[in-house]
PDB file of N, CA and C in Angstrom:
ATOM      1  N   MET A   1      29.852 -38.953 -58.869  1.00  0.00           N
ATOM      2  CA  MET A   1      30.946 -38.508 -57.877  1.00  0.00           C
ATOM      3  C   MET A   1      31.862 -38.253 -59.025  1.00  0.00           C
ATOM      4  N   PRO A   2      32.472 -38.972 -59.738  1.00  0.00           N
ATOM      5  CA  PRO A   2      33.863 -38.179 -60.066  1.00  0.00           C
ATOM      6  C   PRO A   2      33.903 -37.151 -61.719  1.00  0.00           C
ATOM      7  N   ILE A   3      32.626 -37.285 -61.469  1.00  0.00           N
ATOM      8  CA  ILE A   3      32.273 -36.123 -62.879  1.00  0.00           C
ATOM      9  C   ILE A   3      32.170 -34.756 -62.101  1.00  0.00           C
ATOM     10  N   PHE A   4      31.745 -34.792 -60.719  1.00  0.00           N
ATOM     11  CA  PHE A   4      31.689 -33.288 -60.158  1.00  0.00           C
ATOM     12  C   PHE A   4      32.832 -32.731 -59.468  1.00  0.00           C
ATOM     13  N   ILE A   5      33.729 -34.059 -59.549  1.00  0.00           N
ATOM     14  CA  ILE A   5      35.316 -33.858 -58.775  1.00  0.00           C
ATOM     15  C   ILE A   5      36.021 -32.953 -60.216  1.00  0.00           C
ATOM     16  N   LEU A   6      35.586 -33.750 -61.289  1.00  0.00           N
ATOM     17  CA  LEU A   6      36.536 -33.391 -62.970  1.00  0.00           C
ATOM     18  C   LEU A   6      35.907 -31.704 -62.712  1.00  0.00           C
ATOM     19  N   LYS A   7      34.809 -31.538 -62.686  1.00  0.00           N
ATOM     20  CA  LYS A   7      34.253 -30.362 -63.121  1.00  0.00           C
ATOM     21  C   LYS A   7      34.774 -29.260 -61.902  1.00  0.00           C
ATOM     22  N   SER A   8      34.684 -29.542 -60.628  1.00  0.00           N
ATOM     23  CA  SER A   8      35.077 -28.860 -59.857  1.00  0.00           C
ATOM     24  C   SER A   8      36.303 -27.718 -60.047  1.00  0.00           C
ATOM     25  N   PHE A   9      37.422 -29.593 -59.945  1.00  0.00           N
ATOM     26  CA  PHE A   9      38.636 -28.877 -59.817  1.00  0.00           C
ATOM     27  C   PHE A   9      39.105 -28.737 -61.016  1.00  0.00           C
ATOM     28  N   ILE A  10      38.927 -29.009 -62.102  1.00  0.00           N
ATOM     29  CA  ILE A  10      39.741 -28.602 -64.183  1.00  0.00           C
ATOM     30  C   ILE A  10      38.915 -27.739 -64.633  1.00  0.00           C
ATOM     31  N   PHE A  11      37.530 -28.167 -64.996  1.00  0.00           N
ATOM     32  CA  PHE A  11      36.959 -27.329 -65.575  1.00  0.00           C
ATOM     33  C   PHE A  11      36.342 -25.757 -65.206  1.00  0.00           C
ATOM     34  N   ASP A  12      35.818 -25.713 -64.080  1.00  0.00           N
ATOM     35  CA  ASP A  12      35.979 -24.304 -64.028  1.00  0.00           C
ATOM     36  C   ASP A  12      36.643 -23.327 -63.133  1.00  0.00           C
ATOM     37  N   PRO A  13      37.760 -23.942 -62.910  1.00  0.00           N
ATOM     38  CA  PRO A  13      38.755 -23.448 -62.952  1.00  0.00           C
ATOM     39  C   PRO A  13      39.670 -22.541 -63.851  1.00  0.00           C
ATOM     40  N   ILE A  14      39.451 -23.353 -65.186  1.00  0.00           N
ATOM     41  CA  ILE A  14      40.117 -23.262 -67.010  1.00  0.00           C
ATOM     42  C   ILE A  14      38.792 -22.111 -67.315  1.00  0.00           C
ATOM     43  N   PHE A  15      37.805 -22.471 -66.794  1.00  0.00           N
ATOM     44  CA  PHE A  15      36.413 -21.261 -67.633  1.00  0.00           C
ATOM     45  C   PHE A  15      36.777 -20.082 -66.841  1.00  0.00           C
ATOM     46  N   ALA A  16      36.667 -19.887 -65.489  1.00  0.00           N
ATOM     47  CA  ALA A  16      37.015 -18.822 -64.558  1.00  0.00           C
ATOM     48  C   ALA A  16      38.502 -17.751 -65.467  1.00  0.00           C
ATOM     49  N   VAL A  17      38.981 -18.873 -66.048  1.00  0.00           N
ATOM     50  CA  VAL A  17      40.716 -18.173 -66.289  1.00  0.00           C
ATOM     51  C   VAL A  17      40.379 -17.589 -67.584  1.00  0.00           C
ATOM     52  N   LEU A  18      39.666 -18.646 -68.484  1.00  0.00           N
ATOM     53  CA  LEU A  18      39.405 -18.001 -69.470  1.00  0.00           C
ATOM     54  C   LEU A  18      38.065 -16.926 -69.841  1.00  0.00           C
ATOM     55  N   TYR A  19      37.513 -16.879 -68.553  1.00  0.00           N
ATOM     56  CA  TYR A  19      36.009 -15.738 -68.923  1.00  0.00           C
ATOM     57  C   TYR A  19      36.546 -14.684 -68.293  1.00  0.00           C
ATOM     58  N   PHE A  20      37.920 -14.454 -67.410  1.00  0.00           N
ATOM     59  CA  PHE A  20      38.061 -13.150 -66.978  1.00  0.00           C
ATOM     60  C   PHE A  20      38.231 -12.083 -67.874  1.00  0.00           C
ATOM     61  N   PRO A  21      39.258 -12.027 -69.388  1.00  0.00           N
ATOM     62  CA  PRO A  21      39.318 -10.902 -69.983  1.00  0.00           C
ATOM     63  C   PRO A  21      37.526 -10.761 -70.751  1.00  0.00           C
ATOM     64  N   VAL A  22      36.863 -11.593 -70.702  1.00  0.00           N
ATOM     65  CA  VAL A  22      35.585 -11.121 -71.018  1.00  0.00           C
ATOM     66  C   VAL A  22      34.683 -10.531 -70.318  1.00  0.00           C
ATOM     67  N   TYR A  23      35.132 -10.654 -68.617  1.00  0.00           N
ATOM     68  CA  TYR A  23      34.265 -10.155 -67.844  1.00  0.00           C
ATOM     69  C   TYR A  23      34.498  -8.983 -67.272  1.00  0.00           C
ATOM     70  N   TRP A  24      36.369  -8.748 -67.464  1.00  0.00           N
ATOM     71  CA  TRP A  24      36.725  -7.441 -67.687  1.00  0.00           C
ATOM     72  C   TRP A  24      37.191  -6.140 -68.424  1.00  0.00           C
ATOM     73  N   TYR A  25      36.503  -6.716 -69.483  1.00  0.00           N
ATOM     74  CA  TYR A  25      36.276  -5.616 -70.523  1.00  0.00           C
ATOM     75  C   TYR A  25      34.729  -5.629 -70.958  1.00  0.00           C
ATOM     76  N   GLY A  26      33.958  -6.183 -70.573  1.00  0.00           N
ATOM     77  CA  GLY A  26      32.661  -6.565 -71.015  1.00  0.00           C
ATOM     78  C   GLY A  26      31.457  -5.900 -70.190  1.00  0.00           C
ATOM     79  N   PRO A  27      31.161  -6.867 -69.559  1.00  0.00           N
ATOM     80  CA  PRO A  27      30.000  -6.292 -68.360  1.00  0.00           C
ATOM     81  C   PRO A  27      30.918  -5.423 -67.340  1.00  0.00           C
ATOM     82  N   GLY A  28      31.795  -5.826 -66.761  1.00  0.00           N
ATOM     83  CA  GLY A  28      31.995  -5.298 -65.647  1.00  0.00           C
ATOM     84  C   GLY A  28      32.907  -3.757 -66.001  1.00  0.00           C
ATOM     85  N   LEU A  29      33.702  -3.396 -66.943  1.00  0.00           N
ATOM     86  CA  LEU A  29      33.920  -2.148 -67.207  1.00  0.00           C
ATOM     87  C   LEU A  29      32.718  -1.447 -67.838  1.00  0.00           C
ATOM     88  N   LEU A  30      31.611  -1.862 -68.135  1.00  0.00           N
ATOM     89  CA  LEU A  30      30.291  -1.590 -68.356  1.00  0.00           C
ATOM     90  C   LEU A  30      30.041  -0.686 -66.759  1.00  0.00           C
ATOM     91  N   LYS A  31      29.895  -1.274 -66.040  1.00  0.00           N
ATOM     92  CA  LYS A  31      29.407  -1.264 -64.659  1.00  0.00           C
ATOM     93  C   LYS A  31      30.507  -0.289 -64.235  1.00  0.00           C
ATOM     94  N   ARG A  32      31.713   0.055 -64.222  1.00  0.00           N
ATOM     95  CA  ARG A  32      32.659   0.697 -63.785  1.00  0.00           C
ATOM     96  C   ARG A  32      32.004   2.057 -64.565  1.00  0.00           C
ATOM     97  N   ALA A  33      32.145   1.668 -65.702  1.00  0.00           N
ATOM     98  CA  ALA A  33      31.637   3.176 -66.394  1.00  0.00           C
ATOM     99  C   ALA A  33      30.516   3.772 -65.811  1.00  0.00           C
ATOM    100  N   LYS A  34      29.630   3.180 -65.850  1.00  0.00           N
ATOM    101  CA  LYS A  34      28.387   3.600 -65.094  1.00  0.00           C
ATOM    102  C   LYS A  34      28.619   4.124 -63.790  1.00  0.00           C
ATOM    103  N   GLY A  35      29.300   3.673 -63.029  1.00  0.00           N
ATOM    104  CA  GLY A  35      29.564   3.633 -61.545  1.00  0.00           C
ATOM    105  C   GLY A  35      30.406   5.454 -61.873  1.00  0.00           C
ATOM    106  N   LEU A  36      31.366   5.618 -62.198  1.00  0.00           N
ATOM    107  CA  LEU A  36      31.885   6.893 -62.513  1.00  0.00           C
ATOM    108  C   LEU A  36      31.338   8.008 -63.411  1.00  0.00           C
ATOM    109  N   GLY A  37      30.230   7.966 -63.474  1.00  0.00           N
ATOM    110  CA  GLY A  37      29.223   8.687 -63.978  1.00  0.00           C
ATOM    111  C   GLY A  37      28.441   9.268 -63.009  1.00  0.00           C
ATOM    112  N   ARG A  38      28.408   7.895 -62.135  1.00  0.00           N
ATOM    113  CA  ARG A  38      27.340   8.054 -60.815  1.00  0.00           C
ATOM    114  C   ARG A  38      28.359   8.993 -60.145  1.00  0.00           C
ATOM    115  N   ARG A  39      29.736   8.336 -59.761  1.00  0.00           N
ATOM    116  CA  ARG A  39      30.071   9.607 -58.990  1.00  0.00           C
ATOM    117  C   ARG A  39      30.488  10.690 -59.346  1.00  0.00           C
ATOM    118  N   ILE A  40      30.372  10.779 -60.590  1.00  0.00           N
ATOM    119  CA  ILE A  40      30.961  12.497 -61.394  1.00  0.00           C
ATOM    120  C   ILE A  40      29.575  13.315 -60.983  1.00  0.00           C
ATOM    121  N   ARG A  41      28.487  12.320 -60.857  1.00  0.00           N
ATOM    122  CA  ARG A  41      27.075  13.288 -60.665  1.00  0.00           C
ATOM    123  C   ARG A  41      26.536  13.613 -59.018  1.00  0.00           C
ATOM    124  N   ASP A  42      27.332  12.414 -58.401  1.00  0.00           N
ATOM    125  CA  ASP A  42      27.244  13.185 -57.192  1.00  0.00           C
ATOM    126  C   ASP A  42      27.873  13.811 -56.099  1.00  0.00           C
ATOM    127  N   LEU A  43      29.417  13.744 -56.761  1.00  0.00           N
ATOM    128  CA  LEU A  43      30.130  14.961 -56.268  1.00  0.00           C
ATOM    129  C   LEU A  43      29.719  16.616 -57.003  1.00  0.00           C
ATOM    130  N   ALA A  44      28.931  16.578 -58.436  1.00  0.00           N
ATOM    131  CA  ALA A  44      28.376  17.787 -58.540  1.00  0.00           C
ATOM    132  C   ALA A  44      27.102  17.940 -57.852  1.00  0.00           C
ATOM    133  N   HIS A  45      26.542  17.045 -56.872  1.00  0.00           N
ATOM    134  CA  HIS A  45      25.284  17.019 -56.327  1.00  0.00           C
ATOM    135  C   HIS A  45      26.029  17.706 -54.574  1.00  0.00           C
ATOM    136  N   PHE A  46      27.136  16.929 -54.512  1.00  0.00           N
ATOM    137  CA  PHE A  46      27.585  17.165 -53.324  1.00  0.00           C
ATOM    138  C   PHE A  46      28.190  18.881 -52.920  1.00  0.00           C
ATOM    139  N   LEU A  47      28.768  18.900 -54.231  1.00  0.00           N
ATOM    140  CA  LEU A  47      29.259  20.628 -54.029  1.00  0.00           C
ATOM    141  C   LEU A  47      28.289  21.636 -54.657  1.00  0.00           C
ATOM    142  N   ALA A  48      27.015  20.899 -54.804  1.00  0.00           N
ATOM    143  CA  ALA A  48      25.580  22.137 -55.253  1.00  0.00           C
ATOM    144  C   ALA A  48      26.470  23.377 -56.316  1.00  0.00           C
ATOM    145  N   LEU A  49      26.824  22.673 -57.135  1.00  0.00           N
ATOM    146  CA  LEU A  49      27.295  23.464 -58.503  1.00  0.00           C
ATOM    147  C   LEU A  49      25.768  23.804 -58.838  1.00  0.00           C
ATOM    148  N   ARG A  50      25.002  23.637 -59.721  1.00  0.00           N
ATOM    149  CA  ARG A  50      23.920  24.084 -59.918  1.00  0.00           C
ATOM    150  C   ARG A  50      22.919  25.030 -58.981  1.00  0.00           C
ATOM    151  N   ILE A  51      23.178  24.819 -58.097  1.00  0.00           N
ATOM    152  CA  ILE A  51      22.415  25.715 -57.526  1.00  0.00           C
ATOM    153  C   ILE A  51      23.473  27.193 -57.179  1.00  0.00           C
ATOM    154  N   MET A  52      24.676  26.808 -56.895  1.00  0.00           N
ATOM    155  CA  MET A  52      25.469  27.994 -56.892  1.00  0.00           C
ATOM    156  C   MET A  52      25.593  28.795 -57.983  1.00  0.00           C
ATOM    157  N   PHE A  53      25.470  28.154 -59.411  1.00  0.00           N
ATOM    158  CA  PHE A  53      24.962  28.674 -61.017  1.00  0.00           C
ATOM    159  C   PHE A  53      23.762  29.673 -60.714  1.00  0.00           C
ATOM    160  N   ILE A  54      22.436  28.965 -60.097  1.00  0.00           N
ATOM    161  CA  ILE A  54      21.839  29.504 -60.361  1.00  0.00           C
ATOM    162  C   ILE A  54      21.585  30.852 -59.153  1.00  0.00           C
ATOM    163  N   ASN A  55      22.160  31.109 -58.017  1.00  0.00           N
ATOM    164  CA  ASN A  55      21.892  31.945 -57.323  1.00  0.00           C
ATOM    165  C   ASN A  55      23.143  32.964 -57.311  1.00  0.00           C
ATOM    166  N   LEU A  56      23.927  32.826 -58.077  1.00  0.00           N
ATOM    167  CA  LEU A  56      24.760  33.606 -58.591  1.00  0.00           C
ATOM    168  C   LEU A  56      24.816  35.243 -58.463  1.00  0.00           C
ATOM    169  N   PHE A  57      23.533  35.527 -58.946  1.00  0.00           N
ATOM    170  CA  PHE A  57      23.291  37.221 -59.055  1.00  0.00           C
ATOM    171  C   PHE A  57      22.697  37.403 -57.721  1.00  0.00           C
ATOM    172  N   LYS A  58      22.108  36.620 -57.204  1.00  0.00           N
ATOM    173  CA  LYS A  58      20.911  36.749 -56.459  1.00  0.00           C
ATOM    174  C   LYS A  58      21.879  37.319 -55.005  1.00  0.00           C
ATOM    175  N   PRO A  59      21.373  38.274 -54.079  1.00  0.00           N
ATOM    176  CA  PRO A  59      21.886  39.302 -53.111  1.00  0.00           C
ATOM    177  C   PRO A  59      22.070  37.898 -51.550  1.00  0.00           C
ATOM    178  N   MET A  60      23.306  37.681 -51.144  1.00  0.00           N
ATOM    179  CA  MET A  60      23.185  37.009 -49.663  1.00  0.00           C
ATOM    180  C   MET A  60      22.149  37.271 -49.004  1.00  0.00           C
ATOM    181  N   PHE A  61      21.704  36.777 -47.744  1.00  0.00           N
ATOM    182  CA  PHE A  61      20.951  37.044 -46.856  1.00  0.00           C
ATOM    183  C   PHE A  61      19.834  38.328 -46.725  1.00  0.00           C
ATOM    184  N   GLY A  62      19.648  38.151 -48.227  1.00  0.00           N
ATOM    185  CA  GLY A  62      18.154  39.675 -48.525  1.00  0.00           C
ATOM    186  C   GLY A  62      18.783  40.768 -48.179  1.00  0.00           C
ATOM    187  N   GLU A  63      20.282  41.072 -48.298  1.00  0.00           N
ATOM    188  CA  GLU A  63      21.075  42.336 -49.153  1.00  0.00           C
ATOM    189  C   GLU A  63      20.450  42.846 -49.980  1.00  0.00           C
ATOM    190  N   HIS A  64      19.925  43.933 -50.244  1.00  0.00           N
ATOM    191  CA  HIS A  64      19.614  44.163 -52.091  1.00  0.00           C
ATOM    192  C   HIS A  64      20.135  45.714 -51.763  1.00  0.00           C
ATOM    193  N   THR A  65      20.911  46.079 -51.190  1.00  0.00           N
ATOM    194  CA  THR A  65      21.968  47.687 -51.460  1.00  0.00           C
ATOM    195  C   THR A  65      22.404  47.019 -52.956  1.00  0.00           C
ATOM    196  N   ARG A  66      23.536  47.984 -53.028  1.00  0.00           N
ATOM    197  CA  ARG A  66      24.227  48.034 -53.735  1.00  0.00           C
ATOM    198  C   ARG A  66      25.588  47.132 -54.068  1.00  0.00           C
ATOM    199  N   SER A  67      25.886  47.922 -52.462  1.00  0.00           N
ATOM    200  CA  SER A  67      26.862  47.211 -52.204  1.00  0.00           C
ATOM    201  C   SER A  67      27.098  45.830 -51.504  1.00  0.00           C
ATOM    202  N   GLY A  68      25.573  45.977 -50.932  1.00  0.00           N
ATOM    203  CA  GLY A  68      25.245  44.119 -50.832  1.00  0.00           C
ATOM    204  C   GLY A  68      25.253  43.204 -52.038  1.00  0.00           C
ATOM    205  N   ARG A  69      24.475  43.417 -53.321  1.00  0.00           N
ATOM    206  CA  ARG A  69      24.559  42.633 -54.388  1.00  0.00           C
ATOM    207  C   ARG A  69      26.212  42.730 -55.019  1.00  0.00           C
ATOM    208  N   ILE A  70      26.777  43.582 -55.021  1.00  0.00           N
ATOM    209  CA  ILE A  70      28.212  43.109 -55.428  1.00  0.00           C
ATOM    210  C   ILE A  70      28.913  42.878 -54.553  1.00  0.00           C
ATOM    211  N   ILE A  71      28.724  42.834 -52.998  1.00  0.00           N
ATOM    212  CA  ILE A  71      29.453  41.419 -52.251  1.00  0.00           C
ATOM    213  C   ILE A  71      29.565  40.232 -52.540  1.00  0.00           C
ATOM    214  N   SER A  72      27.839  39.964 -52.369  1.00  0.00           N
ATOM    215  CA  SER A  72      27.442  38.907 -52.841  1.00  0.00           C
ATOM    216  C   SER A  72      28.055  38.478 -53.835  1.00  0.00           C
ATOM    217  N   PHE A  73      27.978  38.900 -55.221  1.00  0.00           N
ATOM    218  CA  PHE A  73      28.831  38.306 -56.358  1.00  0.00           C
ATOM    219  C   PHE A  73      29.631  37.669 -56.107  1.00  0.00           C
ATOM    220  N   PHE A  74      30.750  38.767 -55.977  1.00  0.00           N
ATOM    221  CA  PHE A  74      32.527  38.077 -55.775  1.00  0.00           C
ATOM    222  C   PHE A  74      31.684  37.143 -54.878  1.00  0.00           C
ATOM    223  N   MET A  75      31.287  36.869 -53.679  1.00  0.00           N
ATOM    224  CA  MET A  75      31.652  35.759 -52.400  1.00  0.00           C
ATOM    225  C   MET A  75      31.619  34.668 -53.698  1.00  0.00           C
ATOM    226  N   ARG A  76      29.948  34.568 -53.850  1.00  0.00           N
ATOM    227  CA  ARG A  76      29.533  33.408 -54.561  1.00  0.00           C
ATOM    228  C   ARG A  76      30.456  33.002 -55.748  1.00  0.00           C
ATOM    229  N   LEU A  77      31.420  33.785 -56.447  1.00  0.00           N
ATOM    230  CA  LEU A  77      32.006  33.724 -57.674  1.00  0.00           C
ATOM    231  C   LEU A  77      33.231  33.137 -56.828  1.00  0.00           C
ATOM    232  N   ILE A  78      33.829  33.616 -56.332  1.00  0.00           N
ATOM    233  CA  ILE A  78      35.060  32.611 -55.375  1.00  0.00           C
ATOM    234  C   ILE A  78      34.367  31.383 -54.920  1.00  0.00           C
ATOM    235  N   LEU A  79      33.321  31.315 -54.260  1.00  0.00           N
ATOM    236  CA  LEU A  79      33.210  29.946 -53.819  1.00  0.00           C
ATOM    237  C   LEU A  79      32.741  28.900 -54.861  1.00  0.00           C
ATOM    238  N   LEU A  80      32.133  29.871 -55.966  1.00  0.00           N
ATOM    239  CA  LEU A  80      31.661  28.552 -57.249  1.00  0.00           C
ATOM    240  C   LEU A  80      32.863  28.240 -57.558  1.00  0.00           C
ATOM    241  N   GLY A  81      34.257  29.374 -57.916  1.00  0.00           N
ATOM    242  CA  GLY A  81      35.515  28.717 -58.569  1.00  0.00           C
ATOM    243  C   GLY A  81      36.147  28.101 -57.625  1.00  0.00           C
ATOM    244  N   TRP A  82      36.338  28.103 -56.147  1.00  0.00           N
ATOM    245  CA  TRP A  82      36.562  26.819 -55.366  1.00  0.00           C
ATOM    246  C   TRP A  82      36.203  25.474 -55.886  1.00  0.00           C
ATOM    247  N   ARG A  83      34.716  25.491 -55.675  1.00  0.00           N
ATOM    248  CA  ARG A  83      34.160  24.306 -55.898  1.00  0.00           C
ATOM    249  C   ARG A  83      34.004  23.345 -57.091  1.00  0.00           C
ATOM    250  N   LEU A  84      34.598  24.668 -58.219  1.00  0.00           N
ATOM    251  CA  LEU A  84      34.593  24.013 -59.596  1.00  0.00           C
ATOM    252  C   LEU A  84      36.433  23.628 -59.615  1.00  0.00           C
ATOM    253  N   ILE A  85      37.138  24.043 -58.728  1.00  0.00           N
ATOM    254  CA  ILE A  85      38.404  23.501 -58.576  1.00  0.00           C
ATOM    255  C   ILE A  85      38.288  21.742 -58.233  1.00  0.00           C
ATOM    256  N   LEU A  86      37.312  21.933 -57.312  1.00  0.00           N
ATOM    257  CA  LEU A  86      37.363  20.822 -56.445  1.00  0.00           C
ATOM    258  C   LEU A  86      36.366  19.683 -57.243  1.00  0.00           C
ATOM    259  N   PHE A  87      35.540  19.913 -57.848  1.00  0.00           N
ATOM    260  CA  PHE A  87      35.009  19.429 -58.821  1.00  0.00           C
ATOM    261  C   PHE A  87      36.151  18.879 -60.037  1.00  0.00           C
ATOM    262  N   VAL A  88      36.383  19.572 -60.619  1.00  0.00           N
ATOM    263  CA  VAL A  88      37.723  18.949 -61.600  1.00  0.00           C
ATOM    264  C   VAL A  88      38.736  18.183 -60.980  1.00  0.00           C
ATOM    265  N   LEU A  89      39.104  18.280 -59.943  1.00  0.00           N
ATOM    266  CA  LEU A  89      40.285  17.192 -59.453  1.00  0.00           C
ATOM    267  C   LEU A  89      39.492  15.905 -58.816  1.00  0.00           C
ATOM    268  N   GLY A  90      38.198  16.360 -58.439  1.00  0.00           N
ATOM    269  CA  GLY A  90      37.675  14.823 -57.987  1.00  0.00           C
ATOM    270  C   GLY A  90      37.288  14.157 -58.928  1.00  0.00           C
ATOM    271  N   THR A  91      37.098  15.242 -60.291  1.00  0.00           N
ATOM    272  CA  THR A  91      36.595  14.251 -61.601  1.00  0.00           C
ATOM    273  C   THR A  91      37.772  13.344 -62.408  1.00  0.00           C
ATOM    274  N   ILE A  92      39.235  14.580 -62.079  1.00  0.00           N
ATOM    275  CA  ILE A  92      40.350  13.885 -62.844  1.00  0.00           C
ATOM    276  C   ILE A  92      40.595  12.522 -61.781  1.00  0.00           C
ATOM    277  N   PHE A  93      40.250  12.562 -60.644  1.00  0.00           N
ATOM    278  CA  PHE A  93      40.366  11.111 -59.591  1.00  0.00           C
ATOM    279  C   PHE A  93      40.088   9.714 -59.639  1.00  0.00           C
ATOM    280  N   TRP A  94      38.624  10.493 -60.270  1.00  0.00           N
ATOM    281  CA  TRP A  94      37.963   9.042 -60.254  1.00  0.00           C
ATOM    282  C   TRP A  94      37.983   8.905 -61.841  1.00  0.00           C
ATOM    283  N   THR A  95      38.631   9.418 -63.174  1.00  0.00           N
ATOM    284  CA  THR A  95      39.043   8.844 -63.965  1.00  0.00           C
ATOM    285  C   THR A  95      39.897   8.441 -64.208  1.00  0.00           C
ATOM    286  N   ILE A  96      41.180   8.771 -63.298  1.00  0.00           N
ATOM    287  CA  ILE A  96      42.296   7.747 -63.347  1.00  0.00           C
ATOM    288  C   ILE A  96      42.266   6.342 -62.688  1.00  0.00           C
ATOM    289  N   LEU A  97      41.332   6.342 -61.711  1.00  0.00           N
ATOM    290  CA  LEU A  97      40.935   5.062 -61.451  1.00  0.00           C
ATOM    291  C   LEU A  97      40.245   4.294 -62.189  1.00  0.00           C
ATOM    292  N   PHE A  98      39.299   4.566 -63.026  1.00  0.00           N
ATOM    293  CA  PHE A  98      39.114   3.952 -64.224  1.00  0.00           C
ATOM    294  C   PHE A  98      39.940   3.572 -64.763  1.00  0.00           C
ATOM    295  N   LEU A  99      40.758   4.380 -65.256  1.00  0.00           N
ATOM    296  CA  LEU A  99      41.697   3.711 -66.421  1.00  0.00           C
ATOM    297  C   LEU A  99      42.294   2.967 -65.847  1.00  0.00           C
ATOM    298  N   ALA A 100      42.604   3.238 -64.415  1.00  0.00           N
ATOM    299  CA  ALA A 100      43.329   1.844 -64.091  1.00  0.00           C
ATOM    300  C   ALA A 100      43.005   0.975 -63.862  1.00  0.00           C
ATOM    301  N   TRP A 101      41.607   0.664 -63.806  1.00  0.00           N
ATOM    302  CA  TRP A 101      40.879  -0.059 -64.146  1.00  0.00           C
ATOM    303  C   TRP A 101      41.202  -1.329 -65.323  1.00  0.00           C
ATOM    304  N   ILE A 102      41.112  -0.479 -66.072  1.00  0.00           N
ATOM    305  CA  ILE A 102      41.457  -0.834 -67.530  1.00  0.00           C
ATOM    306  C   ILE A 102      42.721  -1.470 -67.706  1.00  0.00           C
ATOM    307  N   PHE A 103      43.404  -1.259 -67.148  1.00  0.00           N
ATOM    308  CA  PHE A 103      45.169  -1.127 -67.700  1.00  0.00           C
ATOM    309  C   PHE A 103      46.203  -2.308 -66.443  1.00  0.00           C
ATOM    310  N   LEU A 104      45.091  -2.153 -65.754  1.00  0.00           N
ATOM    311  CA  LEU A 104      45.972  -3.050 -64.852  1.00  0.00           C
ATOM    312  C   LEU A 104      45.881  -4.686 -65.052  1.00  0.00           C
ATOM    313  N   PRO A 105      44.993  -5.758 -65.804  1.00  0.00           N
ATOM    314  CA  PRO A 105      45.444  -6.736 -66.391  1.00  0.00           C
ATOM    315  C   PRO A 105      46.635  -6.650 -67.169  1.00  0.00           C
ATOM    316  N   LEU A 106      46.132  -5.183 -68.189  1.00  0.00           N
ATOM    317  CA  LEU A 106      47.416  -5.390 -69.237  1.00  0.00           C
ATOM    318  C   LEU A 106      48.827  -5.423 -68.445  1.00  0.00           C
ATOM    319  N   LEU A 107      49.141  -4.251 -67.378  1.00  0.00           N
ATOM    320  CA  LEU A 107      50.022  -4.359 -66.754  1.00  0.00           C
ATOM    321  C   LEU A 107      50.676  -5.567 -65.704  1.00  0.00           C
ATOM    322  N   ALA A 108      49.663  -6.360 -65.172  1.00  0.00           N
ATOM    323  CA  ALA A 108      49.975  -7.982 -64.900  1.00  0.00           C
ATOM    324  C   ALA A 108      50.508  -8.875 -65.595  1.00  0.00           C
ATOM    325  N   LEU A 109      49.811  -8.855 -66.888  1.00  0.00           N
ATOM    326  CA  LEU A 109      50.258  -9.788 -68.074  1.00  0.00           C
ATOM    327  C   LEU A 109      51.770  -9.381 -68.122  1.00  0.00           C
ATOM    328  N   ARG A 110      51.993  -8.317 -68.310  1.00  0.00           N
ATOM    329  CA  ARG A 110      53.300  -7.691 -68.961  1.00  0.00           C
ATOM    330  C   ARG A 110      54.289  -8.261 -67.896  1.00  0.00           C
ATOM    331  N   GLN A 111      53.872  -7.697 -66.486  1.00  0.00           N
ATOM    332  CA  GLN A 111      54.771  -8.793 -65.568  1.00  0.00           C
ATOM    333  C   GLN A 111      55.235  -9.999 -65.838  1.00  0.00           C
ATOM    334  N   ILE A 112      54.089 -10.893 -65.666  1.00  0.00           N
ATOM    335  CA  ILE A 112      54.220 -12.249 -66.063  1.00  0.00           C
ATOM    336  C   ILE A 112      55.059 -12.472 -67.041  1.00  0.00           C
ATOM    337  N   ILE A 113      55.138 -12.123 -68.141  1.00  0.00           N
ATOM    338  CA  ILE A 113      55.604 -12.094 -69.223  1.00  0.00           C
ATOM    339  C   ILE A 113      57.657 -12.147 -69.102  1.00  0.00           C
ATOM    340  N   PHE A 114      57.230 -10.393 -68.619  1.00  0.00           N
ATOM    341  CA  PHE A 114      58.809 -10.361 -68.352  1.00  0.00           C
ATOM    342  C   PHE A 114      59.688 -11.141 -67.330  1.00  0.00           C
ATOM    343  N   TYR A 115      58.637 -11.941 -66.051  1.00  0.00           N
ATOM    344  CA  TYR A 115      59.174 -12.589 -65.543  1.00  0.00           C
ATOM    345  C   TYR A 115      59.921 -13.972 -66.050  1.00  0.00           C
ATOM    346  N   PHE A 116      58.913 -14.725 -67.027  1.00  0.00           N
ATOM    347  CA  PHE A 116      59.182 -15.946 -67.536  1.00  0.00           C
ATOM    348  C   PHE A 116      59.944 -15.742 -68.649  1.00  0.00           C
ATOM    349  N   LYS A 117      60.168 -14.572 -69.102  1.00  0.00           N
ATOM    350  CA  LYS A 117      61.158 -14.441 -70.166  1.00  0.00           C
ATOM    351  C   LYS A 117      62.440 -14.328 -69.287  1.00  0.00           C
ATOM    352  N   ARG A 118      63.234 -14.286 -68.079  1.00  0.00           N
ATOM    353  CA  ARG A 118      64.136 -13.852 -67.209  1.00  0.00           C
ATOM    354  C   ARG A 118      64.351 -14.930 -66.624  1.00  0.00           C
ATOM    355  N   ILE A 119      63.904 -16.691 -66.740  1.00  0.00           N
ATOM    356  CA  ILE A 119      64.009 -17.563 -66.446  1.00  0.00           C
ATOM    357  C   ILE A 119      65.079 -18.460 -67.527  1.00  0.00           C
TER     358      ILE A 119
END
């Protein structure tokens, strides 16, 4: 029983504190990087960018006249431009969150060091 208490209250917390940077910048960072790629891919799928590129030169609503094709092209071009702007903004947002994941422990460590310097 005393070995269990020693392990639970002394060795486990020390191991957890020492393992934290290994996890954060190892498997945790890899998991977040894969999640970033998945979110960007899902955002492109949600905005239907591939479909917009494929159908850029096709007329909308089966309107095959010259004016219908011109209007369809510019309308799809405007929609594609707007969706690309949203895609870039979403990608920037998720990338900033990923970078925050990387630098958050360093910022916390910096704050702890400055706190103990003041004492």
